[in-house]
Amino acid sequence: MEYSLEKICSTTGGNIRGEWARQLDSLGDEGKMWLSGVERIASWCEKEADLSNVNNLMALCETGKTAPRAILEITDASKSKDPAYKLLNVYLEPDLILSHKDVVRQEDLLEITAVFGFAFTESLKMAVENSTEKLKLFGRSTEMLSMFDRLVETAEQSGPANIYRQGKWLVIEIRR
């Protein structure tokens, strides 16, 4: 799987509506309750594409697929009191959401890990490219916070980055 991070464009919303809705259709009646969320994300992408000077949303795409695998909500807070890039949320395509699956297999976990790993890496690259050497990832659930704690626990503290948790944020600071 080869991924890329791309700016939202005028076709992103329509691609999400088409492909993500098709994925929800395959879930039957259960998928219908998620349709309004997909519609909100698609509409948000269309509004974001119209604002050429704002880049809060990015599309995480896979080569050969028309719709993004995920939408990343990223903000540049480099001019704030605590300068950082912030990855606020990752909106996954329905096929990647594990709560939709009756059975979760190893390949499901590997696929979602690859998507999140790419999202984290590319967000950190964006921070460094924009002279902000700190990325903050927001933990929206107890599962994410638990994952953050595991990352902090296993991080090599003498490596190229300082990794710690600050409230609900995982903070990755590049050491120079």
Protein backbone atom coordinates (compact mmCIF):
# COMPACT_ATOMS: atom_id res chain seq x y z
CA MET A 1 0.00 0.00 0.00
CA GLU A 2 1.40 3.32 -1.04
CA TYR A 3 -0.07 6.39 0.65
CA SER A 4 0.12 10.11 0.03
CA LEU A 5 -1.13 13.15 1.90
CA GLU A 6 -2.93 15.61 -0.36
CA LYS A 7 -4.75 18.90 -0.04
CA ILE A 8 -8.51 18.73 -0.21
CA CYS A 9 -9.71 19.50 -3.75
CA SER A 10 -13.06 20.17 -5.39
CA THR A 11 -13.69 16.45 -6.06
CA THR A 12 -12.85 15.15 -2.57
CA GLY A 13 -16.36 15.58 -1.16
CA GLY A 14 -18.01 13.81 -4.09
CA ASN A 15 -15.49 10.96 -3.94
CA ILE A 16 -16.19 10.52 -0.24
CA ARG A 17 -19.96 10.58 -0.79
CA GLY A 18 -19.67 7.93 -3.49
CA GLU A 19 -17.14 5.49 -2.06
CA TRP A 20 -17.72 5.89 1.68
CA ALA A 21 -21.51 5.66 1.20
CA ARG A 22 -21.01 2.48 -0.87
CA GLN A 23 -18.98 1.01 2.01
CA LEU A 24 -21.78 1.89 4.43
CA ASP A 25 -24.38 0.33 2.10
CA SER A 26 -22.55 -2.97 2.43
CA LEU A 27 -23.35 -2.88 6.17
CA GLY A 28 -27.10 -2.89 5.54
CA ASP A 29 -29.37 -1.07 7.98
CA GLU A 30 -26.54 -0.53 10.47
CA GLY A 31 -24.65 1.53 7.89
CA LYS A 32 -27.52 3.98 7.49
CA MET A 33 -26.94 5.48 10.92
CA TRP A 34 -23.40 6.49 9.89
CA LEU A 35 -24.46 8.14 6.61
CA SER A 36 -25.02 11.60 8.13
CA GLY A 37 -21.44 11.60 9.45
CA VAL A 38 -20.09 10.84 5.99
CA GLU A 39 -22.26 13.63 4.57
CA ARG A 40 -20.86 16.10 7.15
CA ILE A 41 -17.27 15.17 6.31
CA ALA A 42 -17.94 15.43 2.55
CA SER A 43 -19.60 18.86 2.94
CA TRP A 44 -16.76 20.06 5.17
CA CYS A 45 -14.24 18.97 2.53
CA GLU A 46 -16.15 20.89 -0.16
CA LYS A 47 -16.19 24.05 1.97
CA GLU A 48 -12.50 23.63 2.78
CA ALA A 49 -11.63 23.25 -0.93
CA ASP A 50 -13.29 26.62 -1.58
CA LEU A 51 -11.01 28.30 1.00
CA SER A 52 -7.68 28.16 -0.79
CA ASN A 53 -5.76 29.87 2.03
CA VAL A 54 -6.92 27.46 4.77
CA ASN A 55 -5.52 23.95 5.02
CA ASN A 56 -7.13 22.40 8.08
CA LEU A 57 -8.14 19.22 6.26
CA MET A 58 -5.87 16.87 4.35
CA ALA A 59 -6.78 13.72 2.43
CA LEU A 60 -4.82 10.55 3.17
CA CYS A 61 -4.98 8.71 -0.14
CA GLU A 62 -3.90 5.29 -1.35
CA THR A 63 -2.54 4.83 -4.85
CA GLY A 64 -5.23 3.48 -7.16
CA LYS A 65 -8.21 4.52 -5.02
CA THR A 66 -10.49 7.44 -5.92
CA ALA A 67 -11.64 8.32 -2.40
CA PRO A 68 -9.35 9.08 0.54
CA ARG A 69 -8.77 6.37 3.13
CA ALA A 70 -8.98 9.06 5.81
CA ILE A 71 -9.37 12.78 6.30
CA LEU A 72 -6.94 14.44 8.71
CA GLU A 73 -7.83 17.55 10.65
CA ILE A 74 -4.55 19.40 11.19
CA THR A 75 -3.94 22.90 12.45
CA ASP A 76 -0.86 25.09 12.49
CA ALA A 77 -0.57 26.51 15.99
CA SER A 78 3.02 27.65 15.49
CA LYS A 79 2.19 31.21 16.53
CA SER A 80 0.51 30.19 19.80
CA LYS A 81 1.95 30.30 23.32
CA ASP A 82 2.95 26.62 22.91
CA PRO A 83 4.04 26.47 19.22
CA ALA A 84 3.11 23.18 17.57
CA TYR A 85 1.34 21.48 14.71
CA LYS A 86 -1.75 19.71 15.98
CA LEU A 87 -3.34 16.59 14.57
CA LEU A 88 -6.83 17.03 15.98
CA ASN A 89 -8.67 14.12 14.41
CA VAL A 90 -8.45 11.32 11.87
CA TYR A 91 -11.74 10.52 10.11
CA LEU A 92 -11.42 7.00 8.73
CA GLU A 93 -13.28 5.56 5.77
CA PRO A 94 -15.96 3.09 6.92
CA ASP A 95 -13.96 0.01 5.85
CA LEU A 96 -11.26 0.96 8.37
CA ILE A 97 -13.56 1.48 11.36
CA LEU A 98 -13.21 -1.63 13.49
CA SER A 99 -16.50 -1.20 15.35
CA HIS A 100 -18.28 -1.89 12.01
CA LYS A 101 -16.73 -5.34 11.77
CA ASP A 102 -18.16 -8.52 13.27
CA VAL A 103 -14.71 -10.12 13.12
CA VAL A 104 -11.44 -8.19 13.38
CA ARG A 105 -8.54 -9.93 11.69
CA GLN A 106 -4.80 -9.30 11.81
CA GLU A 107 -4.86 -7.68 8.35
CA ASP A 108 -7.52 -5.22 9.58
CA LEU A 109 -5.28 -4.17 12.46
CA LEU A 110 -2.22 -3.92 10.21
CA GLU A 111 -4.11 -1.77 7.70
CA ILE A 112 -5.40 0.69 10.30
CA THR A 113 -1.96 0.80 11.95
CA ALA A 114 -0.40 1.66 8.57
CA VAL A 115 -2.92 4.47 8.00
CA PHE A 116 -2.40 5.97 11.46
CA GLY A 117 1.38 5.55 11.24
CA PHE A 118 1.44 7.38 7.90
CA ALA A 119 -0.83 10.13 9.29
CA PHE A 120 1.44 10.66 12.31
CA THR A 121 4.65 10.62 10.23
CA GLU A 122 3.38 13.01 7.59
CA SER A 123 1.98 15.40 10.22
CA LEU A 124 5.36 15.47 11.93
CA LYS A 125 7.06 16.15 8.57
CA MET A 126 4.68 19.07 8.01
CA ALA A 127 5.57 20.47 11.43
CA VAL A 128 9.31 20.25 10.72
CA GLU A 129 8.95 21.70 7.20
CA ASN A 130 7.18 24.70 8.71
CA SER A 131 9.87 25.26 11.37
CA THR A 132 7.69 23.95 14.17
CA GLU A 133 9.49 21.02 15.69
CA LYS A 134 6.58 19.85 17.80
CA LEU A 135 3.56 17.75 16.86
CA LYS A 136 0.65 17.28 19.25
CA LEU A 137 -1.85 14.47 18.67
CA PHE A 138 -5.20 14.74 20.44
CA GLY A 139 -6.47 11.64 22.23
CA ARG A 140 -10.25 11.47 21.73
CA SER A 141 -10.85 8.20 23.53
CA THR A 142 -9.55 6.12 26.39
CA GLU A 143 -8.19 3.68 23.77
CA MET A 144 -6.14 6.44 22.14
CA LEU A 145 -4.85 7.66 25.50
CA SER A 146 -3.88 4.10 26.39
CA MET A 147 -2.06 3.79 23.05
CA PHE A 148 -0.30 7.12 23.74
CA ASP A 149 0.83 5.85 27.15
CA ARG A 150 2.21 2.69 25.53
CA LEU A 151 4.11 4.81 22.97
CA VAL A 152 5.59 6.97 25.74
CA GLU A 153 6.49 3.86 27.73
CA THR A 154 8.32 2.21 24.83
CA ALA A 155 9.89 5.32 23.26
CA GLU A 156 13.65 5.45 23.29
CA GLN A 157 14.30 8.52 25.41
CA SER A 158 17.76 9.06 23.92
CA GLY A 159 16.42 9.02 20.34
CA PRO A 160 15.86 11.92 17.95
CA ALA A 161 12.54 12.90 19.54
CA ASN A 162 11.23 13.63 22.99
CA ILE A 163 7.85 11.88 23.40
CA TYR A 164 5.51 12.51 26.31
CA ARG A 165 1.85 12.95 27.16
CA GLN A 166 0.46 16.36 28.15
CA GLY A 167 -3.13 15.90 29.35
CA LYS A 168 -4.99 14.37 26.39
CA TRP A 169 -2.19 15.24 23.94
CA LEU A 170 0.67 13.03 22.80
CA VAL A 171 3.58 15.40 22.19
CA ILE A 172 6.47 14.59 19.85
CA GLU A 173 9.30 17.14 19.90
CA ILE A 174 12.26 16.86 17.54
CA ARG A 175 15.58 17.20 19.34
CA ARG A 176 18.22 19.37 17.70
